[in-house]
Amino acid sequence: MIEALDGQLITNKLMLHDVVSDGVSVPDLSHDILKIAVVNRYREAPVATAWIKNFGLKRGAIASSVAHDSHNIVAVGTNDADLCAAVNLVIAHHGGVSLADGGTHRVLPLPIAGIMSDADAYTVADAYSAMDRAVKEDLGSTLAAPYMTLSFMALLVIPHLKVSDKGLFDADAFSLLT
């Protein structure tokens, strides 16, 4: 699994046992192990999922189409319902950053290529700051910049372990893990 490092682009590669409930692997909030997913924005394809540690979310999910280099949708969450809701918010707005927490849904649309807004810079900065604050205060993220960290989890050329729309990628070996 991926271990996110606060304030770093690099990640660690961990080998941990997954938690199984009713025959299905599930997030382990007590050990800060969450599901991460990448959804291909350009064609229909299976959703790639993996596990990530150190995001600190206690509930809910976040998603973003700002995901270097391909700008697919990358999301991390504590449960599948919120993970899907966060991804679907980004899809519905043709790009953006989002959060979902039960019935609470928020999105900062980035409709230009999924990475830019057509709103003025002050409006976007205020909205982004509010989203960042909500992820920390409401969802519990312990990261200094949760959306920024999320955006680099799909940048495959940065060591050590990342996730693409095809699955986990070992940057050291420069190959997909099967």
N, C-alpha and C. Protein backbone atom coordinates (compact mmCIF):
# COMPACT_ATOMS: atom_id res chain seq x y z
N MET A 1 0.84 -1.17 0.00
CA MET A 1 0.00 0.00 0.00
C MET A 1 0.88 1.23 0.00
N ILE A 2 0.28 2.35 -0.42
CA ILE A 2 0.96 3.64 -0.47
C ILE A 2 0.96 4.25 0.93
N GLU A 3 2.07 4.81 1.33
CA GLU A 3 2.11 5.62 2.55
C GLU A 3 2.40 7.06 2.12
N ALA A 4 1.38 7.92 2.27
CA ALA A 4 1.56 9.34 1.96
C ALA A 4 2.41 9.97 3.05
N LEU A 5 3.29 10.88 2.66
CA LEU A 5 4.15 11.58 3.60
C LEU A 5 3.81 13.06 3.54
N ASP A 6 3.44 13.63 4.67
CA ASP A 6 3.00 15.02 4.71
C ASP A 6 4.08 15.95 4.17
N GLY A 7 3.68 16.78 3.22
CA GLY A 7 4.60 17.77 2.65
C GLY A 7 5.61 17.19 1.67
N GLN A 8 5.43 15.95 1.26
CA GLN A 8 6.37 15.28 0.37
C GLN A 8 5.68 14.82 -0.91
N LEU A 9 6.41 14.76 -1.98
CA LEU A 9 5.91 14.17 -3.21
C LEU A 9 6.18 12.67 -3.24
N ILE A 10 7.25 12.26 -2.59
CA ILE A 10 7.55 10.83 -2.55
C ILE A 10 6.59 10.14 -1.59
N THR A 11 6.47 8.85 -1.76
CA THR A 11 5.66 8.03 -0.86
C THR A 11 6.51 6.84 -0.44
N ASN A 12 6.04 6.17 0.58
CA ASN A 12 6.66 4.91 0.96
C ASN A 12 5.81 3.76 0.45
N LYS A 13 6.44 2.62 0.33
CA LYS A 13 5.77 1.39 -0.09
C LYS A 13 5.67 0.49 1.15
N LEU A 14 4.44 0.18 1.56
CA LEU A 14 4.22 -0.64 2.74
C LEU A 14 3.61 -1.98 2.35
N MET A 15 3.92 -2.99 3.12
CA MET A 15 3.30 -4.30 2.97
C MET A 15 2.57 -4.58 4.28
N LEU A 16 1.26 -4.40 4.27
CA LEU A 16 0.45 -4.62 5.47
C LEU A 16 -0.70 -5.56 5.13
N HIS A 17 -1.22 -6.20 6.15
CA HIS A 17 -2.39 -7.07 5.97
C HIS A 17 -3.64 -6.21 5.87
N ASP A 18 -4.54 -6.60 4.98
CA ASP A 18 -5.78 -5.85 4.85
C ASP A 18 -6.80 -6.37 5.86
N VAL A 19 -7.80 -5.52 6.14
CA VAL A 19 -8.90 -5.88 7.01
C VAL A 19 -10.01 -6.43 6.13
N VAL A 20 -10.52 -7.59 6.48
CA VAL A 20 -11.55 -8.23 5.69
C VAL A 20 -12.83 -8.31 6.51
N SER A 21 -13.92 -7.87 5.90
CA SER A 21 -15.25 -7.94 6.50
C SER A 21 -16.20 -8.56 5.50
N ASP A 22 -16.84 -9.64 5.87
CA ASP A 22 -17.74 -10.36 4.97
C ASP A 22 -17.06 -10.73 3.65
N GLY A 23 -15.80 -11.11 3.74
CA GLY A 23 -15.07 -11.55 2.56
C GLY A 23 -14.55 -10.45 1.66
N VAL A 24 -14.69 -9.18 2.09
CA VAL A 24 -14.28 -8.05 1.27
C VAL A 24 -13.27 -7.20 2.07
N SER A 25 -12.19 -6.76 1.41
CA SER A 25 -11.24 -5.86 2.05
C SER A 25 -11.89 -4.50 2.28
N VAL A 26 -11.71 -3.94 3.46
CA VAL A 26 -12.34 -2.68 3.82
C VAL A 26 -11.30 -1.74 4.44
N PRO A 27 -11.57 -0.42 4.38
CA PRO A 27 -10.67 0.52 5.04
C PRO A 27 -10.54 0.21 6.54
N ASP A 28 -9.41 0.56 7.10
CA ASP A 28 -9.15 0.36 8.52
C ASP A 28 -8.86 1.72 9.14
N LEU A 29 -9.92 2.40 9.59
CA LEU A 29 -9.78 3.77 10.10
C LEU A 29 -8.91 3.81 11.35
N SER A 30 -8.91 2.76 12.14
CA SER A 30 -8.11 2.76 13.37
C SER A 30 -6.62 2.79 13.08
N HIS A 31 -6.22 2.37 11.88
CA HIS A 31 -4.82 2.41 11.46
C HIS A 31 -4.60 3.38 10.29
N ASP A 32 -5.60 4.22 10.03
CA ASP A 32 -5.52 5.24 8.97
C ASP A 32 -5.21 4.64 7.61
N ILE A 33 -5.89 3.55 7.29
CA ILE A 33 -5.74 2.89 5.99
C ILE A 33 -7.05 3.09 5.23
N LEU A 34 -6.97 3.81 4.13
CA LEU A 34 -8.13 4.21 3.35
C LEU A 34 -8.03 3.68 1.93
N LYS A 35 -9.15 3.71 1.25
CA LYS A 35 -9.17 3.30 -0.15
C LYS A 35 -8.82 4.50 -1.02
N ILE A 36 -8.01 4.26 -2.03
CA ILE A 36 -7.70 5.28 -3.04
C ILE A 36 -8.15 4.71 -4.39
N ALA A 37 -8.72 5.57 -5.20
CA ALA A 37 -9.24 5.12 -6.50
C ALA A 37 -8.83 6.11 -7.59
N VAL A 38 -8.62 5.59 -8.79
CA VAL A 38 -8.36 6.43 -9.96
C VAL A 38 -9.37 6.04 -11.04
N VAL A 39 -10.07 7.06 -11.54
CA VAL A 39 -11.08 6.87 -12.57
C VAL A 39 -10.58 7.54 -13.85
N ASN A 40 -10.50 6.78 -14.91
CA ASN A 40 -10.07 7.32 -16.20
C ASN A 40 -11.09 8.33 -16.70
N ARG A 41 -10.66 9.54 -17.01
CA ARG A 41 -11.55 10.61 -17.47
C ARG A 41 -11.77 10.59 -18.98
N TYR A 42 -11.02 9.78 -19.71
CA TYR A 42 -10.99 9.91 -21.16
C TYR A 42 -11.68 8.76 -21.91
N ARG A 43 -11.87 7.65 -21.21
CA ARG A 43 -12.55 6.52 -21.85
C ARG A 43 -13.10 5.62 -20.75
N GLU A 44 -14.07 4.80 -21.11
CA GLU A 44 -14.60 3.85 -20.15
C GLU A 44 -13.55 2.80 -19.84
N ALA A 45 -13.32 2.59 -18.56
CA ALA A 45 -12.32 1.63 -18.12
C ALA A 45 -12.65 1.25 -16.68
N PRO A 46 -12.19 0.10 -16.25
CA PRO A 46 -12.41 -0.27 -14.85
C PRO A 46 -11.74 0.75 -13.92
N VAL A 47 -12.34 0.96 -12.78
CA VAL A 47 -11.77 1.85 -11.77
C VAL A 47 -10.63 1.12 -11.07
N ALA A 48 -9.49 1.77 -10.96
CA ALA A 48 -8.35 1.19 -10.25
C ALA A 48 -8.44 1.58 -8.78
N THR A 49 -8.25 0.63 -7.88
CA THR A 49 -8.28 0.92 -6.45
C THR A 49 -7.04 0.33 -5.78
N ALA A 50 -6.69 0.94 -4.67
CA ALA A 50 -5.56 0.48 -3.86
C ALA A 50 -5.80 0.99 -2.44
N TRP A 51 -4.80 0.82 -1.60
CA TRP A 51 -4.88 1.29 -0.22
C TRP A 51 -3.83 2.36 0.02
N ILE A 52 -4.17 3.31 0.88
CA ILE A 52 -3.26 4.40 1.21
C ILE A 52 -3.32 4.66 2.70
N LYS A 53 -2.19 5.00 3.26
CA LYS A 53 -2.06 5.28 4.69
C LYS A 53 -1.61 6.72 4.89
N ASN A 54 -2.05 7.33 5.96
CA ASN A 54 -1.62 8.66 6.44
C ASN A 54 -2.41 9.83 5.88
N PHE A 55 -3.58 9.62 5.34
CA PHE A 55 -4.41 10.75 4.94
C PHE A 55 -5.15 11.32 6.13
N GLY A 56 -5.39 10.50 7.14
CA GLY A 56 -6.00 10.96 8.37
C GLY A 56 -7.50 11.18 8.35
N LEU A 57 -8.15 10.87 7.23
CA LEU A 57 -9.60 11.08 7.19
C LEU A 57 -10.27 10.17 8.23
N LYS A 58 -11.20 10.74 8.98
CA LYS A 58 -11.97 9.98 9.95
C LYS A 58 -13.33 9.59 9.39
N ARG A 59 -13.75 10.31 8.36
CA ARG A 59 -15.01 10.02 7.67
C ARG A 59 -14.98 10.69 6.31
N GLY A 60 -15.93 10.29 5.43
CA GLY A 60 -16.08 10.94 4.14
C GLY A 60 -15.01 10.58 3.13
N ALA A 61 -14.98 11.38 2.05
CA ALA A 61 -14.05 11.15 0.94
C ALA A 61 -13.80 12.46 0.22
N ILE A 62 -12.67 12.52 -0.48
CA ILE A 62 -12.35 13.66 -1.33
C ILE A 62 -11.94 13.14 -2.71
N ALA A 63 -12.12 13.98 -3.71
CA ALA A 63 -11.74 13.61 -5.08
C ALA A 63 -11.26 14.85 -5.82
N SER A 64 -10.50 14.61 -6.88
CA SER A 64 -9.96 15.72 -7.67
C SER A 64 -9.61 15.27 -9.07
N SER A 65 -9.82 16.17 -10.03
CA SER A 65 -9.35 15.93 -11.40
C SER A 65 -7.99 16.59 -11.62
N VAL A 66 -7.46 17.24 -10.60
CA VAL A 66 -6.10 17.76 -10.65
C VAL A 66 -5.22 16.62 -10.14
N ALA A 67 -4.77 15.79 -11.07
CA ALA A 67 -4.04 14.58 -10.72
C ALA A 67 -2.95 14.37 -11.75
N HIS A 68 -1.79 14.90 -11.47
CA HIS A 68 -0.66 14.88 -12.39
C HIS A 68 -0.30 13.46 -12.79
N ASP A 69 0.08 13.16 -13.95
CA ASP A 69 0.19 13.91 -15.18
C ASP A 69 -1.06 13.79 -16.05
N SER A 70 -1.84 12.76 -15.88
CA SER A 70 -2.95 12.50 -16.79
C SER A 70 -4.23 13.24 -16.44
N HIS A 71 -4.32 13.72 -15.23
CA HIS A 71 -5.51 14.42 -14.74
C HIS A 71 -6.77 13.56 -14.84
N ASN A 72 -6.58 12.27 -14.54
CA ASN A 72 -7.72 11.41 -14.29
C ASN A 72 -8.29 11.83 -12.94
N ILE A 73 -9.39 11.25 -12.54
CA ILE A 73 -9.95 11.58 -11.22
C ILE A 73 -9.32 10.65 -10.20
N VAL A 74 -8.75 11.25 -9.16
CA VAL A 74 -8.18 10.48 -8.06
C VAL A 74 -8.98 10.82 -6.82
N ALA A 75 -9.26 9.81 -6.00
CA ALA A 75 -10.09 10.00 -4.82
C ALA A 75 -9.59 9.12 -3.69
N VAL A 76 -9.81 9.59 -2.47
CA VAL A 76 -9.48 8.79 -1.29
C VAL A 76 -10.65 8.92 -0.32
N GLY A 77 -10.97 7.80 0.34
CA GLY A 77 -12.12 7.86 1.24
C GLY A 77 -12.18 6.76 2.26
N THR A 78 -13.07 6.99 3.21
CA THR A 78 -13.27 6.06 4.31
C THR A 78 -14.32 5.01 4.01
N ASN A 79 -15.11 5.22 2.96
CA ASN A 79 -16.16 4.27 2.61
C ASN A 79 -16.51 4.44 1.13
N ASP A 80 -17.07 3.39 0.56
CA ASP A 80 -17.35 3.39 -0.88
C ASP A 80 -18.44 4.39 -1.28
N ALA A 81 -19.46 4.56 -0.45
CA ALA A 81 -20.56 5.47 -0.81
C ALA A 81 -20.05 6.90 -0.96
N ASP A 82 -19.27 7.36 0.01
CA ASP A 82 -18.73 8.72 -0.08
C ASP A 82 -17.68 8.84 -1.18
N LEU A 83 -16.90 7.79 -1.37
CA LEU A 83 -15.90 7.79 -2.45
C LEU A 83 -16.59 7.97 -3.80
N CYS A 84 -17.65 7.20 -4.02
CA CYS A 84 -18.40 7.32 -5.28
C CYS A 84 -19.04 8.70 -5.42
N ALA A 85 -19.60 9.21 -4.34
CA ALA A 85 -20.25 10.52 -4.39
C ALA A 85 -19.24 11.61 -4.72
N ALA A 86 -18.05 11.55 -4.12
CA ALA A 86 -17.02 12.56 -4.39
C ALA A 86 -16.59 12.51 -5.85
N VAL A 87 -16.39 11.31 -6.38
CA VAL A 87 -16.00 11.14 -7.79
C VAL A 87 -17.12 11.66 -8.69
N ASN A 88 -18.35 11.31 -8.39
CA ASN A 88 -19.47 11.73 -9.23
C ASN A 88 -19.67 13.24 -9.24
N LEU A 89 -19.32 13.92 -8.14
CA LEU A 89 -19.37 15.38 -8.12
C LEU A 89 -18.38 15.96 -9.13
N VAL A 90 -17.19 15.40 -9.16
CA VAL A 90 -16.17 15.87 -10.11
C VAL A 90 -16.65 15.62 -11.54
N ILE A 91 -17.21 14.45 -11.79
CA ILE A 91 -17.72 14.14 -13.12
C ILE A 91 -18.83 15.10 -13.52
N ALA A 92 -19.77 15.33 -12.62
CA ALA A 92 -20.93 16.19 -12.90
C ALA A 92 -20.53 17.62 -13.23
N HIS A 93 -19.40 18.08 -12.67
CA HIS A 93 -18.95 19.45 -12.90
C HIS A 93 -17.83 19.55 -13.94
N HIS A 94 -17.60 18.44 -14.66
CA HIS A 94 -16.57 18.41 -15.71
C HIS A 94 -15.20 18.76 -15.18
N GLY A 95 -14.93 18.32 -13.95
CA GLY A 95 -13.64 18.56 -13.30
C GLY A 95 -13.81 19.36 -12.04
N GLY A 96 -12.86 19.20 -11.14
CA GLY A 96 -12.88 19.97 -9.91
C GLY A 96 -12.31 19.21 -8.74
N VAL A 97 -12.47 19.80 -7.57
CA VAL A 97 -12.13 19.14 -6.31
C VAL A 97 -13.42 19.05 -5.51
N SER A 98 -13.60 17.92 -4.82
CA SER A 98 -14.86 17.70 -4.13
C SER A 98 -14.65 17.02 -2.80
N LEU A 99 -15.70 17.03 -2.00
CA LEU A 99 -15.75 16.23 -0.79
C LEU A 99 -17.17 15.73 -0.61
N ALA A 100 -17.28 14.56 -0.03
CA ALA A 100 -18.58 13.96 0.28
C ALA A 100 -18.49 13.35 1.66
N ASP A 101 -19.50 13.63 2.46
CA ASP A 101 -19.57 13.11 3.82
C ASP A 101 -21.04 12.86 4.14
N GLY A 102 -21.49 11.65 3.83
CA GLY A 102 -22.91 11.36 4.01
C GLY A 102 -23.72 12.25 3.10
N GLY A 103 -24.62 13.05 3.68
CA GLY A 103 -25.46 13.95 2.88
C GLY A 103 -24.81 15.27 2.53
N THR A 104 -23.60 15.52 3.03
CA THR A 104 -22.90 16.77 2.74
C THR A 104 -22.00 16.58 1.52
N HIS A 105 -22.26 17.37 0.49
CA HIS A 105 -21.47 17.32 -0.74
C HIS A 105 -21.02 18.73 -1.09
N ARG A 106 -19.73 18.88 -1.39
CA ARG A 106 -19.19 20.17 -1.80
C ARG A 106 -18.27 19.97 -2.99
N VAL A 107 -18.25 20.98 -3.86
CA VAL A 107 -17.37 20.88 -5.02
C VAL A 107 -16.91 22.27 -5.43
N LEU A 108 -15.67 22.36 -5.83
CA LEU A 108 -15.12 23.54 -6.49
C LEU A 108 -14.95 23.13 -7.95
N PRO A 109 -15.85 23.57 -8.84
CA PRO A 109 -15.76 23.17 -10.25
C PRO A 109 -14.49 23.71 -10.91
N LEU A 110 -13.88 22.88 -11.72
CA LEU A 110 -12.74 23.26 -12.56
C LEU A 110 -13.06 22.78 -13.97
N PRO A 111 -13.97 23.48 -14.66
CA PRO A 111 -14.51 22.98 -15.92
C PRO A 111 -13.58 23.09 -17.12
N ILE A 112 -12.49 23.81 -17.01
CA ILE A 112 -11.57 23.94 -18.13
C ILE A 112 -10.49 22.88 -18.00
N ALA A 113 -10.65 21.82 -18.79
CA ALA A 113 -9.74 20.67 -18.80
C ALA A 113 -9.66 19.97 -17.45
N GLY A 114 -10.57 20.26 -16.55
CA GLY A 114 -10.57 19.64 -15.25
C GLY A 114 -9.51 20.17 -14.30
N ILE A 115 -8.79 21.22 -14.72
CA ILE A 115 -7.71 21.75 -13.89
C ILE A 115 -7.77 23.26 -13.70
N MET A 116 -8.69 23.93 -14.41
CA MET A 116 -8.79 25.39 -14.30
C MET A 116 -10.24 25.82 -14.17
N SER A 117 -10.41 26.99 -13.58
CA SER A 117 -11.74 27.56 -13.41
C SER A 117 -11.90 28.77 -14.33
N ASP A 118 -13.15 29.07 -14.65
CA ASP A 118 -13.43 30.29 -15.39
C ASP A 118 -13.86 31.43 -14.46
N ALA A 119 -13.82 31.17 -13.15
CA ALA A 119 -14.14 32.20 -12.15
C ALA A 119 -12.88 33.03 -11.87
N ASP A 120 -13.08 34.18 -11.23
CA ASP A 120 -11.91 35.02 -10.92
C ASP A 120 -11.06 34.38 -9.82
N ALA A 121 -9.81 34.76 -9.77
CA ALA A 121 -8.83 34.14 -8.87
C ALA A 121 -9.23 34.26 -7.40
N TYR A 122 -9.81 35.37 -6.99
CA TYR A 122 -10.19 35.55 -5.59
C TYR A 122 -11.31 34.59 -5.20
N THR A 123 -12.27 34.41 -6.09
CA THR A 123 -13.37 33.48 -5.83
C THR A 123 -12.86 32.06 -5.71
N VAL A 124 -11.98 31.67 -6.62
CA VAL A 124 -11.43 30.33 -6.61
C VAL A 124 -10.57 30.12 -5.36
N ALA A 125 -9.75 31.08 -5.01
CA ALA A 125 -8.90 30.97 -3.83
C ALA A 125 -9.74 30.81 -2.56
N ASP A 126 -10.79 31.60 -2.44
CA ASP A 126 -11.67 31.48 -1.27
C ASP A 126 -12.35 30.12 -1.22
N ALA A 127 -12.85 29.66 -2.36
CA ALA A 127 -13.53 28.37 -2.42
C ALA A 127 -12.56 27.22 -2.11
N TYR A 128 -11.35 27.30 -2.65
CA TYR A 128 -10.36 26.26 -2.39
C TYR A 128 -9.98 26.24 -0.91
N SER A 129 -9.78 27.41 -0.33
CA SER A 129 -9.45 27.49 1.10
C SER A 129 -10.55 26.88 1.96
N ALA A 130 -11.79 27.14 1.58
CA ALA A 130 -12.93 26.57 2.33
C ALA A 130 -12.96 25.05 2.19
N MET A 131 -12.69 24.54 1.00
CA MET A 131 -12.66 23.08 0.79
C MET A 131 -11.53 22.46 1.62
N ASP A 132 -10.35 23.05 1.56
CA ASP A 132 -9.20 22.57 2.31
C ASP A 132 -9.49 22.54 3.81
N ARG A 133 -10.09 23.61 4.29
CA ARG A 133 -10.44 23.72 5.72
C ARG A 133 -11.46 22.64 6.10
N ALA A 134 -12.45 22.40 5.25
CA ALA A 134 -13.48 21.40 5.54
C ALA A 134 -12.88 19.99 5.60
N VAL A 135 -11.95 19.69 4.72
CA VAL A 135 -11.33 18.36 4.73
C VAL A 135 -10.57 18.15 6.04
N LYS A 136 -9.94 19.19 6.53
CA LYS A 136 -9.19 19.07 7.78
C LYS A 136 -10.11 19.10 9.00
N GLU A 137 -10.98 20.09 9.07
CA GLU A 137 -11.81 20.26 10.26
C GLU A 137 -12.98 19.29 10.33
N ASP A 138 -13.65 19.04 9.22
CA ASP A 138 -14.84 18.20 9.23
C ASP A 138 -14.54 16.72 9.00
N LEU A 139 -13.62 16.44 8.07
CA LEU A 139 -13.32 15.04 7.75
C LEU A 139 -12.11 14.51 8.52
N GLY A 140 -11.31 15.40 9.09
CA GLY A 140 -10.23 14.98 9.97
C GLY A 140 -8.87 14.79 9.36
N SER A 141 -8.65 15.20 8.11
CA SER A 141 -7.34 14.99 7.50
C SER A 141 -6.25 15.65 8.32
N THR A 142 -5.17 14.93 8.49
CA THR A 142 -4.02 15.42 9.25
C THR A 142 -2.96 16.03 8.34
N LEU A 143 -3.19 16.01 7.05
CA LEU A 143 -2.20 16.54 6.10
C LEU A 143 -2.27 18.06 6.03
N ALA A 144 -1.15 18.69 5.80
CA ALA A 144 -1.11 20.15 5.65
C ALA A 144 -1.85 20.59 4.40
N ALA A 145 -1.78 19.79 3.34
CA ALA A 145 -2.43 20.12 2.06
C ALA A 145 -3.03 18.85 1.46
N PRO A 146 -4.20 18.42 1.94
CA PRO A 146 -4.75 17.14 1.49
C PRO A 146 -5.01 17.05 -0.02
N TYR A 147 -5.55 18.11 -0.64
CA TYR A 147 -5.81 18.04 -2.09
C TYR A 147 -4.51 18.04 -2.88
N MET A 148 -3.53 18.78 -2.43
CA MET A 148 -2.23 18.79 -3.11
C MET A 148 -1.58 17.41 -3.01
N THR A 149 -1.63 16.82 -1.82
CA THR A 149 -1.09 15.48 -1.64
C THR A 149 -1.81 14.50 -2.55
N LEU A 150 -3.13 14.58 -2.59
CA LEU A 150 -3.92 13.69 -3.44
C LEU A 150 -3.52 13.82 -4.90
N SER A 151 -3.27 15.04 -5.35
CA SER A 151 -2.97 15.26 -6.77
C SER A 151 -1.68 14.58 -7.21
N PHE A 152 -0.77 14.34 -6.28
CA PHE A 152 0.50 13.72 -6.63
C PHE A 152 0.51 12.20 -6.43
N MET A 153 -0.57 11.64 -5.92
CA MET A 153 -0.61 10.19 -5.73
C MET A 153 -0.72 9.44 -7.05
N ALA A 154 -1.02 10.16 -8.12
CA ALA A 154 -1.12 9.53 -9.45
C ALA A 154 0.03 9.95 -10.37
N LEU A 155 1.04 10.61 -9.83
CA LEU A 155 2.20 11.01 -10.64
C LEU A 155 3.23 9.89 -10.57
N LEU A 156 3.22 9.06 -11.59
CA LEU A 156 3.93 7.78 -11.56
C LEU A 156 5.45 7.88 -11.54
N VAL A 157 6.01 9.00 -11.92
CA VAL A 157 7.47 9.09 -12.00
C VAL A 157 8.12 9.48 -10.67
N ILE A 158 7.32 9.75 -9.66
CA ILE A 158 7.86 10.12 -8.35
C ILE A 158 7.86 8.87 -7.45
N PRO A 159 9.01 8.48 -6.91
CA PRO A 159 9.08 7.28 -6.07
C PRO A 159 8.19 7.41 -4.83
N HIS A 160 7.77 6.39 -4.27
CA HIS A 160 8.13 5.01 -4.55
C HIS A 160 6.91 4.25 -5.10
N LEU A 161 5.75 4.50 -4.54
CA LEU A 161 4.55 3.78 -4.98
C LEU A 161 3.45 4.79 -5.26
N LYS A 162 2.82 4.66 -6.42
CA LYS A 162 1.71 5.54 -6.81
C LYS A 162 0.60 4.69 -7.38
N VAL A 163 -0.49 5.34 -7.81
CA VAL A 163 -1.60 4.60 -8.40
C VAL A 163 -2.02 5.29 -9.70
N SER A 164 -2.24 4.48 -10.73
CA SER A 164 -2.70 4.99 -12.01
C SER A 164 -4.07 4.42 -12.30
N ASP A 165 -4.61 4.74 -13.45
CA ASP A 165 -5.90 4.17 -13.84
C ASP A 165 -5.77 2.68 -14.16
N LYS A 166 -4.56 2.17 -14.15
CA LYS A 166 -4.33 0.74 -14.39
C LYS A 166 -3.95 0.00 -13.11
N GLY A 167 -3.78 0.71 -12.00
CA GLY A 167 -3.46 0.07 -10.72
C GLY A 167 -2.22 0.63 -10.07
N LEU A 168 -1.74 -0.07 -9.04
CA LEU A 168 -0.54 0.36 -8.32
C LEU A 168 0.68 0.33 -9.22
N PHE A 169 1.52 1.34 -9.08
CA PHE A 169 2.71 1.47 -9.91
C PHE A 169 3.92 1.66 -9.03
N ASP A 170 4.91 0.81 -9.22
CA ASP A 170 6.18 0.88 -8.49
C ASP A 170 7.13 1.73 -9.31
N ALA A 171 7.36 2.97 -8.85
CA ALA A 171 8.21 3.89 -9.60
C ALA A 171 9.67 3.45 -9.61
N ASP A 172 10.10 2.73 -8.59
CA ASP A 172 11.49 2.26 -8.55
C ASP A 172 11.76 1.21 -9.62
N ALA A 173 10.82 0.29 -9.78
CA ALA A 173 10.96 -0.74 -10.82
C ALA A 173 10.37 -0.29 -12.14
N PHE A 174 9.67 0.86 -12.13
CA PHE A 174 8.95 1.42 -13.28
C PHE A 174 8.04 0.37 -13.92
N SER A 175 7.19 -0.21 -13.05
CA SER A 175 6.25 -1.22 -13.56
C SER A 175 5.01 -1.28 -12.69
N LEU A 176 3.92 -1.73 -13.32
CA LEU A 176 2.69 -1.95 -12.58
C LEU A 176 2.87 -3.16 -11.68
N LEU A 177 2.25 -3.11 -10.50
CA LEU A 177 2.24 -4.26 -9.61
C LEU A 177 1.00 -5.08 -9.92
N THR A 178 1.16 -6.37 -9.99
CA THR A 178 0.01 -7.22 -10.29
C THR A 178 -0.43 -7.99 -9.07
